[in-house]
C-alpha atoms as a PDB file:
ATOM      1  CA  MET A   1     -54.818-125.813 -19.736  1.00  0.00           C
ATOM      2  CA  SER A   2     -54.092-122.096 -20.391  1.00  0.00           C
ATOM      3  CA  ALA A   3     -50.974-120.989 -22.192  1.00  0.00           C
ATOM      4  CA  SER A   4     -48.246-119.603 -19.929  1.00  0.00           C
ATOM      5  CA  ALA A   5     -46.799-116.003 -20.479  1.00  0.00           C
ATOM      6  CA  PRO A   6     -43.456-115.834 -22.089  1.00  0.00           C
ATOM      7  CA  GLU A   7     -40.663-115.321 -19.633  1.00  0.00           C
ATOM      8  CA  PRO A   8     -38.527-112.183 -20.058  1.00  0.00           C
ATOM      9  CA  SER A   9     -35.187-112.703 -21.422  1.00  0.00           C
ATOM     10  CA  GLU A  10     -32.220-112.478 -19.169  1.00  0.00           C
ATOM     11  CA  THR A  11     -30.877-109.453 -21.007  1.00  0.00           C
ATOM     12  CA  ALA A  12     -34.026-107.434 -20.501  1.00  0.00           C
ATOM     13  CA  VAL A  13     -34.097-108.221 -16.830  1.00  0.00           C
ATOM     14  CA  ASP A  14     -30.547-107.137 -16.365  1.00  0.00           C
ATOM     15  CA  SER A  15     -31.209-103.804 -18.141  1.00  0.00           C
ATOM     16  CA  ALA A  16     -34.213-103.084 -15.962  1.00  0.00           C
ATOM     17  CA  VAL A  17     -32.288-103.835 -12.811  1.00  0.00           C
ATOM     18  CA  ASP A  18     -29.460-101.593 -13.884  1.00  0.00           C
ATOM     19  CA  GLY A  19     -31.886 -98.713 -14.555  1.00  0.00           C
ATOM     20  CA  VAL A  20     -33.464 -99.086 -11.161  1.00  0.00           C
ATOM     21  CA  ASP A  21     -30.085 -99.142  -9.503  1.00  0.00           C
ATOM     22  CA  ASP A  22     -28.958 -96.016 -11.391  1.00  0.00           C
ATOM     23  CA  ALA A  23     -32.112 -94.175 -10.467  1.00  0.00           C
ATOM     24  CA  ALA A  24     -31.838 -95.196  -6.856  1.00  0.00           C
ATOM     25  CA  THR A  25     -28.196 -94.346  -6.535  1.00  0.00           C
ATOM     26  CA  SER A  26     -28.110 -91.073  -8.599  1.00  0.00           C
ATOM     27  CA  GLU A  27     -27.343 -87.854  -6.562  1.00  0.00           C
ATOM     28  CA  PRO A  28     -28.375 -84.246  -7.447  1.00  0.00           C
ATOM     29  CA  ASP A  29     -25.689 -81.852  -8.876  1.00  0.00           C
ATOM     30  CA  VAL A  30     -24.732 -79.614  -5.876  1.00  0.00           C
ATOM     31  CA  GLY A  31     -22.740 -77.125  -7.953  1.00  0.00           C
ATOM     32  CA  GLU A  32     -25.618 -76.302 -10.211  1.00  0.00           C
ATOM     33  CA  ALA A  33     -27.901 -75.786  -7.191  1.00  0.00           C
ATOM     34  CA  ALA A  34     -25.429 -73.358  -5.648  1.00  0.00           C
ATOM     35  CA  GLU A  35     -25.134 -71.373  -8.886  1.00  0.00           C
ATOM     36  CA  PHE A  36     -28.915 -71.211  -9.136  1.00  0.00           C
ATOM     37  CA  ALA A  37     -29.244 -69.900  -5.554  1.00  0.00           C
ATOM     38  CA  ALA A  38     -26.593 -67.222  -6.140  1.00  0.00           C
ATOM     39  CA  ALA A  39     -28.244 -66.109  -9.362  1.00  0.00           C
ATOM     40  CA  THR A  40     -31.597 -65.934  -7.622  1.00  0.00           C
ATOM     41  CA  ALA A  41     -30.220 -63.796  -4.781  1.00  0.00           C
ATOM     42  CA  GLU A  42     -28.519 -61.468  -7.233  1.00  0.00           C
ATOM     43  CA  SER A  43     -31.685 -61.134  -9.255  1.00  0.00           C
ATOM     44  CA  LEU A  44     -33.586 -60.294  -6.053  1.00  0.00           C
ATOM     45  CA  ASP A  45     -31.026 -57.604  -5.164  1.00  0.00           C
ATOM     46  CA  GLU A  46     -31.131 -56.134  -8.633  1.00  0.00           C
ATOM     47  CA  SER A  47     -34.871 -56.129  -8.580  1.00  0.00           C
ATOM     48  CA  SER A  48     -34.957 -53.337  -5.823  1.00  0.00           C
ATOM     49  CA  PRO A  49     -37.008 -50.419  -7.121  1.00  0.00           C
ATOM     50  CA  GLU A  50     -34.936 -47.483  -8.497  1.00  0.00           C
ATOM     51  CA  LEU A  51     -37.411 -45.115  -6.901  1.00  0.00           C
ATOM     52  CA  ASP A  52     -36.337 -46.118  -3.391  1.00  0.00           C
ATOM     53  CA  ASP A  53     -32.653 -45.546  -4.246  1.00  0.00           C
ATOM     54  CA  SER A  54     -33.379 -42.070  -5.633  1.00  0.00           C
ATOM     55  CA  ALA A  55     -35.382 -41.156  -2.538  1.00  0.00           C
ATOM     56  CA  HIS A  56     -32.549 -42.312  -0.310  1.00  0.00           C
ATOM     57  CA  ARG A  57     -30.027 -40.215  -2.213  1.00  0.00           C
ATOM     58  CA  ALA A  58     -32.309 -37.189  -2.121  1.00  0.00           C
ATOM     59  CA  ASP A  59     -32.692 -37.601   1.643  1.00  0.00           C
ATOM     60  CA  LEU A  60     -28.910 -37.764   2.118  1.00  0.00           C
ATOM     61  CA  LEU A  61     -28.426 -34.713  -0.102  1.00  0.00           C
ATOM     62  CA  GLY A  62     -31.021 -32.783   1.877  1.00  0.00           C
ATOM     63  CA  LYS A  63     -29.300 -33.631   5.158  1.00  0.00           C
ATOM     64  CA  LEU A  64     -25.923 -32.585   3.694  1.00  0.00           C
ATOM     65  CA  ASN A  65     -27.346 -29.256   2.558  1.00  0.00           C
ATOM     66  CA  ALA A  66     -28.874 -28.673   5.995  1.00  0.00           C
ATOM     67  CA  VAL A  67     -25.567 -29.400   7.750  1.00  0.00           C
ATOM     68  CA  THR A  68     -23.710 -27.142   5.307  1.00  0.00           C
ATOM     69  CA  ALA A  69     -26.160 -24.286   5.896  1.00  0.00           C
ATOM     70  CA  GLU A  70     -25.852 -24.712   9.661  1.00  0.00           C
ATOM     71  CA  ARG A  71     -22.068 -24.676   9.384  1.00  0.00           C
ATOM     72  CA  ASP A  72     -22.132 -21.490   7.300  1.00  0.00           C
ATOM     73  CA  ASP A  73     -24.470 -19.862   9.820  1.00  0.00           C
ATOM     74  CA  TYR A  74     -22.185 -20.713  12.730  1.00  0.00           C
ATOM     75  CA  LEU A  75     -19.173 -19.447  10.762  1.00  0.00           C
ATOM     76  CA  ASP A  76     -20.951 -16.175   9.998  1.00  0.00           C
ATOM     77  CA  GLN A  77     -21.887 -15.714  13.657  1.00  0.00           C
ATOM     78  CA  LEU A  78     -18.313 -16.415  14.705  1.00  0.00           C
ATOM     79  CA  GLN A  79     -16.931 -13.882  12.252  1.00  0.00           C
ATOM     80  CA  ARG A  80     -19.448 -11.268  13.390  1.00  0.00           C
ATOM     81  CA  GLN A  81     -18.630 -11.837  17.052  1.00  0.00           C
ATOM     82  CA  ARG A  82     -14.918 -11.681  16.307  1.00  0.00           C
ATOM     83  CA  ALA A  83     -15.353  -8.383  14.436  1.00  0.00           C
ATOM     84  CA  GLU A  84     -17.492  -6.963  17.259  1.00  0.00           C
ATOM     85  CA  PHE A  85     -14.885  -8.020  19.814  1.00  0.00           C
ATOM     86  CA  GLN A  86     -12.096  -6.392  17.779  1.00  0.00           C
ATOM     87  CA  ASN A  87     -14.090  -3.160  17.528  1.00  0.00           C
ATOM     88  CA  PHE A  88     -14.869  -3.288  21.249  1.00  0.00           C
ATOM     89  CA  ARG A  89     -11.208  -3.803  22.119  1.00  0.00           C
ATOM     90  CA  LYS A  90     -10.145  -0.918  19.851  1.00  0.00           C
ATOM     91  CA  ARG A  91     -12.806   1.335  21.354  1.00  0.00           C
ATOM     92  CA  VAL A  92     -11.774   0.468  24.904  1.00  0.00           C
ATOM     93  CA  GLU A  93      -8.109   1.021  24.048  1.00  0.00           C
ATOM     94  CA  ALA A  94      -8.884   4.394  22.450  1.00  0.00           C
ATOM     95  CA  GLU A  95     -10.939   5.451  25.484  1.00  0.00           C
ATOM     96  CA  ARG A  96      -8.140   4.358  27.796  1.00  0.00           C
ATOM     97  CA  ARG A  97      -5.561   6.363  25.861  1.00  0.00           C
ATOM     98  CA  GLN A  98      -7.893   9.351  25.826  1.00  0.00           C
ATOM     99  CA  GLN A  99      -8.400   9.154  29.582  1.00  0.00           C
ATOM    100  CA  VAL A 100      -4.661   8.858  30.203  1.00  0.00           C
ATOM    101  CA  SER A 101      -3.969  11.774  27.849  1.00  0.00           C
ATOM    102  CA  ALA A 102      -6.648  13.895  29.534  1.00  0.00           C
ATOM    103  CA  GLY A 103      -5.183  13.152  32.968  1.00  0.00           C
ATOM    104  CA  VAL A 104      -1.644  14.026  31.861  1.00  0.00           C
ATOM    105  CA  SER A 105      -2.965  17.152  30.129  1.00  0.00           C
ATOM    106  CA  ARG A 106      -4.576  18.366  33.355  1.00  0.00           C
ATOM    107  CA  LEU A 107      -1.363  17.706  35.270  1.00  0.00           C
ATOM    108  CA  VAL A 108       0.750  19.525  32.694  1.00  0.00           C
ATOM    109  CA  GLU A 109      -1.668  22.459  32.618  1.00  0.00           C
ATOM    110  CA  SER A 110      -1.424  22.756  36.397  1.00  0.00           C
ATOM    111  CA  LEU A 111       2.369  23.063  36.066  1.00  0.00           C
ATOM    112  CA  LEU A 112       2.288  25.871  33.493  1.00  0.00           C
ATOM    113  CA  PRO A 113       2.293  28.599  36.189  1.00  0.00           C
ATOM    114  CA  VAL A 114       5.506  27.059  37.502  1.00  0.00           C
ATOM    115  CA  LEU A 115       7.061  27.398  34.048  1.00  0.00           C
ATOM    116  CA  ASP A 116       5.788  30.980  33.862  1.00  0.00           C
ATOM    117  CA  GLY A 117       7.454  31.742  37.201  1.00  0.00           C
ATOM    118  CA  CYS A 118      10.718  30.205  36.027  1.00  0.00           C
ATOM    119  CA  ASP A 119      10.607  32.239  32.809  1.00  0.00           C
ATOM    120  CA  ALA A 120       9.910  35.456  34.729  1.00  0.00           C
ATOM    121  CA  ALA A 121      12.725  34.761  37.213  1.00  0.00           C
ATOM    122  CA  THR A 122      15.139  33.993  34.380  1.00  0.00           C
ATOM    123  CA  ALA A 123      14.153  37.235  32.586  1.00  0.00           C
ATOM    124  CA  GLN A 124      14.995  39.166  35.770  1.00  0.00           C
ATOM    125  CA  GLY A 125      18.458  37.656  35.895  1.00  0.00           C
ATOM    126  CA  HIS A 126      17.960  34.817  38.361  1.00  0.00           C
ATOM    127  CA  SER A 127      20.108  32.315  36.502  1.00  0.00           C
ATOM    128  CA  GLU A 128      19.807  29.675  39.216  1.00  0.00           C
ATOM    129  CA  VAL A 129      16.117  29.310  38.397  1.00  0.00           C
ATOM    130  CA  ALA A 130      16.787  28.803  34.679  1.00  0.00           C
ATOM    131  CA  ALA A 131      18.135  25.290  35.260  1.00  0.00           C
ATOM    132  CA  VAL A 132      14.980  24.346  37.158  1.00  0.00           C
ATOM    133  CA  GLY A 133      12.773  25.676  34.383  1.00  0.00           C
ATOM    134  CA  GLN A 134      14.766  23.870  31.709  1.00  0.00           C
ATOM    135  CA  SER A 135      14.633  20.575  33.608  1.00  0.00           C
ATOM    136  CA  LEU A 136      10.891  20.900  34.091  1.00  0.00           C
ATOM    137  CA  MET A 137      10.393  21.736  30.415  1.00  0.00           C
ATOM    138  CA  VAL A 138      12.437  18.707  29.355  1.00  0.00           C
ATOM    139  CA  ALA A 139      10.397  16.401  31.585  1.00  0.00           C
ATOM    140  CA  LEU A 140       7.087  17.798  30.344  1.00  0.00           C
ATOM    141  CA  GLY A 141       8.363  17.757  26.776  1.00  0.00           C
ATOM    142  CA  LYS A 142       8.788  13.993  26.988  1.00  0.00           C
ATOM    143  CA  ALA A 143       5.097  13.804  27.920  1.00  0.00           C
ATOM    144  CA  GLY A 144       4.165  15.809  24.805  1.00  0.00           C
ATOM    145  CA  LEU A 145       4.389  19.475  25.829  1.00  0.00           C
ATOM    146  CA  GLU A 146       5.938  22.008  23.434  1.00  0.00           C
ATOM    147  CA  ARG A 147       6.148  25.797  23.271  1.00  0.00           C
ATOM    148  CA  ILE A 148       4.272  27.717  20.604  1.00  0.00           C
ATOM    149  CA  ASP A 149       6.475  29.889  18.393  1.00  0.00           C
ATOM    150  CA  ALA A 150       5.237  33.462  18.521  1.00  0.00           C
ATOM    151  CA  VAL A 151       7.710  36.302  17.927  1.00  0.00           C
ATOM    152  CA  GLY A 152       8.185  37.005  14.245  1.00  0.00           C
ATOM    153  CA  GLU A 153       5.406  34.612  13.204  1.00  0.00           C
ATOM    154  CA  PRO A 154       2.188  35.621  11.425  1.00  0.00           C
ATOM    155  CA  PHE A 155      -0.633  36.105  13.861  1.00  0.00           C
ATOM    156  CA  ASP A 156      -2.733  32.945  14.227  1.00  0.00           C
ATOM    157  CA  PRO A 157      -5.883  33.341  16.331  1.00  0.00           C
ATOM    158  CA  ASN A 158      -5.927  29.582  16.928  1.00  0.00           C
ATOM    159  CA  GLN A 159      -2.705  29.718  18.932  1.00  0.00           C
ATOM    160  CA  HIS A 160      -2.065  33.435  19.606  1.00  0.00           C
ATOM    161  CA  GLU A 161      -4.045  35.741  21.850  1.00  0.00           C
ATOM    162  CA  ALA A 162      -3.574  39.361  20.849  1.00  0.00           C
ATOM    163  CA  VAL A 163      -3.307  41.594  23.912  1.00  0.00           C
ATOM    164  CA  THR A 164      -2.091  44.788  22.257  1.00  0.00           C
ATOM    165  CA  ILE A 165      -2.149  45.916  18.633  1.00  0.00           C
ATOM    166  CA  GLU A 166       0.109  48.538  17.093  1.00  0.00           C
ATOM    167  CA  ALA A 167      -0.036  49.953  13.618  1.00  0.00           C
ATOM    168  CA  ALA A 168       3.056  49.929  11.468  1.00  0.00           C
ATOM    169  CA  PRO A 169       4.739  53.396  11.393  1.00  0.00           C
ATOM    170  CA  GLU A 170       4.417  55.331   8.172  1.00  0.00           C
ATOM    171  CA  PRO A 171       7.604  55.875   6.162  1.00  0.00           C
ATOM    172  CA  GLY A 172       9.623  58.780   7.609  1.00  0.00           C
ATOM    173  CA  THR A 173       7.637  58.797  10.860  1.00  0.00           C
ATOM    174  CA  ALA A 174       9.042  57.554  14.161  1.00  0.00           C
ATOM    175  CA  ALA A 175       7.092  54.812  15.825  1.00  0.00           C
ATOM    176  CA  SER A 176       6.680  56.861  19.010  1.00  0.00           C
ATOM    177  CA  ASP A 177       5.281  60.004  17.283  1.00  0.00           C
ATOM    178  CA  ASN A 178       1.538  60.619  17.160  1.00  0.00           C
ATOM    179  CA  ASP A 179      -0.842  63.500  17.766  1.00  0.00           C
ATOM    180  CA  ALA A 180      -1.885  62.315  21.233  1.00  0.00           C
ATOM    181  CA  GLY A 181       1.672  61.787  22.404  1.00  0.00           C
ATOM    182  CA  GLU A 182       1.006  58.106  23.037  1.00  0.00           C
ATOM    183  CA  SER A 183       2.626  55.037  21.523  1.00  0.00           C
ATOM    184  CA  PRO A 184       0.470  53.242  18.932  1.00  0.00           C
ATOM    185  CA  ASP A 185      -0.076  50.195  21.099  1.00  0.00           C
ATOM    186  CA  VAL A 186      -1.275  52.262  24.039  1.00  0.00           C
ATOM    187  CA  ALA A 187      -3.687  54.099  21.793  1.00  0.00           C
ATOM    188  CA  ALA A 188      -5.016  50.825  20.443  1.00  0.00           C
ATOM    189  CA  THR A 189      -5.603  49.307  23.868  1.00  0.00           C
ATOM    190  CA  GLY A 190      -6.898  52.314  25.756  1.00  0.00           C
ATOM    191  CA  ALA A 191     -10.178  52.354  27.617  1.00  0.00           C
ATOM    192  CA  ASP A 192     -11.985  53.888  24.650  1.00  0.00           C
ATOM    193  CA  ALA A 193     -10.547  51.368  22.196  1.00  0.00           C
ATOM    194  CA  GLY A 194     -12.375  48.359  23.619  1.00  0.00           C
ATOM    195  CA  GLU A 195     -11.291  44.858  22.601  1.00  0.00           C
ATOM    196  CA  PRO A 196      -8.424  44.676  20.090  1.00  0.00           C
ATOM    197  CA  GLU A 197      -9.737  43.985  16.620  1.00  0.00           C
ATOM    198  CA  LEU A 198      -7.683  42.558  13.763  1.00  0.00           C
ATOM    199  CA  ASP A 199      -8.416  42.732  10.071  1.00  0.00           C
ATOM    200  CA  ALA A 200      -7.794  39.368   8.426  1.00  0.00           C
ATOM    201  CA  GLU A 201      -6.881  41.091   5.128  1.00  0.00           C
ATOM    202  CA  VAL A 202      -4.044  43.118   6.714  1.00  0.00           C
ATOM    203  CA  LEU A 203      -0.624  41.619   7.377  1.00  0.00           C
ATOM    204  CA  GLN A 204      -0.364  40.879  11.084  1.00  0.00           C
ATOM    205  CA  VAL A 205       2.919  39.908  12.699  1.00  0.00           C
ATOM    206  CA  VAL A 206       3.642  39.045  16.316  1.00  0.00           C
ATOM    207  CA  THR A 207       6.264  41.467  17.623  1.00  0.00           C
ATOM    208  CA  ALA A 208       6.463  40.410  21.281  1.00  0.00           C
ATOM    209  CA  GLU A 209       5.415  37.566  23.540  1.00  0.00           C
ATOM    210  CA  LEU A 210       3.913  38.528  26.887  1.00  0.00           C
ATOM    211  CA  ARG A 211       3.219  35.004  28.043  1.00  0.00           C
ATOM    212  CA  SER A 212       4.311  31.710  26.537  1.00  0.00           C
ATOM    213  CA  GLY A 213       1.815  29.467  24.812  1.00  0.00           C
ATOM    214  CA  PHE A 214       1.963  25.683  24.787  1.00  0.00           C
ATOM    215  CA  ARG A 215       0.719  22.726  22.768  1.00  0.00           C
ATOM    216  CA  PHE A 216       0.189  19.330  24.295  1.00  0.00           C
ATOM    217  CA  ASP A 217      -0.119  16.193  22.232  1.00  0.00           C
ATOM    218  CA  GLY A 218      -0.667  18.237  19.076  1.00  0.00           C
ATOM    219  CA  ARG A 219      -3.440  20.512  20.391  1.00  0.00           C
ATOM    220  CA  VAL A 220      -3.251  24.021  21.833  1.00  0.00           C
ATOM    221  CA  LEU A 221      -3.205  23.778  25.609  1.00  0.00           C
ATOM    222  CA  ARG A 222      -2.821  27.522  26.198  1.00  0.00           C
ATOM    223  CA  ALA A 223      -2.616  30.277  23.614  1.00  0.00           C
ATOM    224  CA  ALA A 224       0.328  32.649  23.728  1.00  0.00           C
ATOM    225  CA  MET A 225      -0.354  36.210  24.804  1.00  0.00           C
ATOM    226  CA  VAL A 226       1.267  38.425  22.198  1.00  0.00           C
ATOM    227  CA  LYS A 227       1.652  41.944  20.836  1.00  0.00           C
ATOM    228  CA  VAL A 228       0.691  42.284  17.196  1.00  0.00           C
ATOM    229  CA  ARG A 229       1.723  44.817  14.573  1.00  0.00           C
ATOM    230  CA  THR A 230      -0.584  45.389  11.633  1.00  0.00           C
ATOM    231  CA  GLY A 231       0.124  46.849   8.207  1.00  0.00           C
END
């Protein structure tokens, strides 16, 4: 007969059973698995290439610069158009005022003979006409008409038209005495005298006004016809 194998002790059997039970009933640590997954995801995110991030930022910066340049261009165009519109409006307004002034000037100039008639009638003693002339002058004065001062003023060819010229009498000589028996102004404006000529270096003073002169809106509308004394 063969010898039989020794039987395991009861203690050893119990220990083996307990180990099997522990191995069968042990569960994995869920918390550690979750921490591992989170760390892995974070490491994947952090592992994105820096080159891609720089390219993305450069692309955004380029788009921002393009939008800024387009905005500046639109702003410049707007400012230019606004300036052009302002200049156009000023030009149109100036042309309108000029046209209105030219129209009023023509109307006023057409009424100057009426003022001349009133002045002539008043000089002849028709006092009833003086009021009409004064009223007309006031109305035209509000529109910008004004008389040119003549008598006693230095001769100004820009606003005075010399019709006759007389030389100043010499000391001790009467103004009406001359060899031809004519007054100095008649001698100066005779047929042989031609157009009256004035020397700019000689003192010239207006002694009489033959027809009134007028300014309208600061410019000479009609020069005054005057008599001038030289010397």
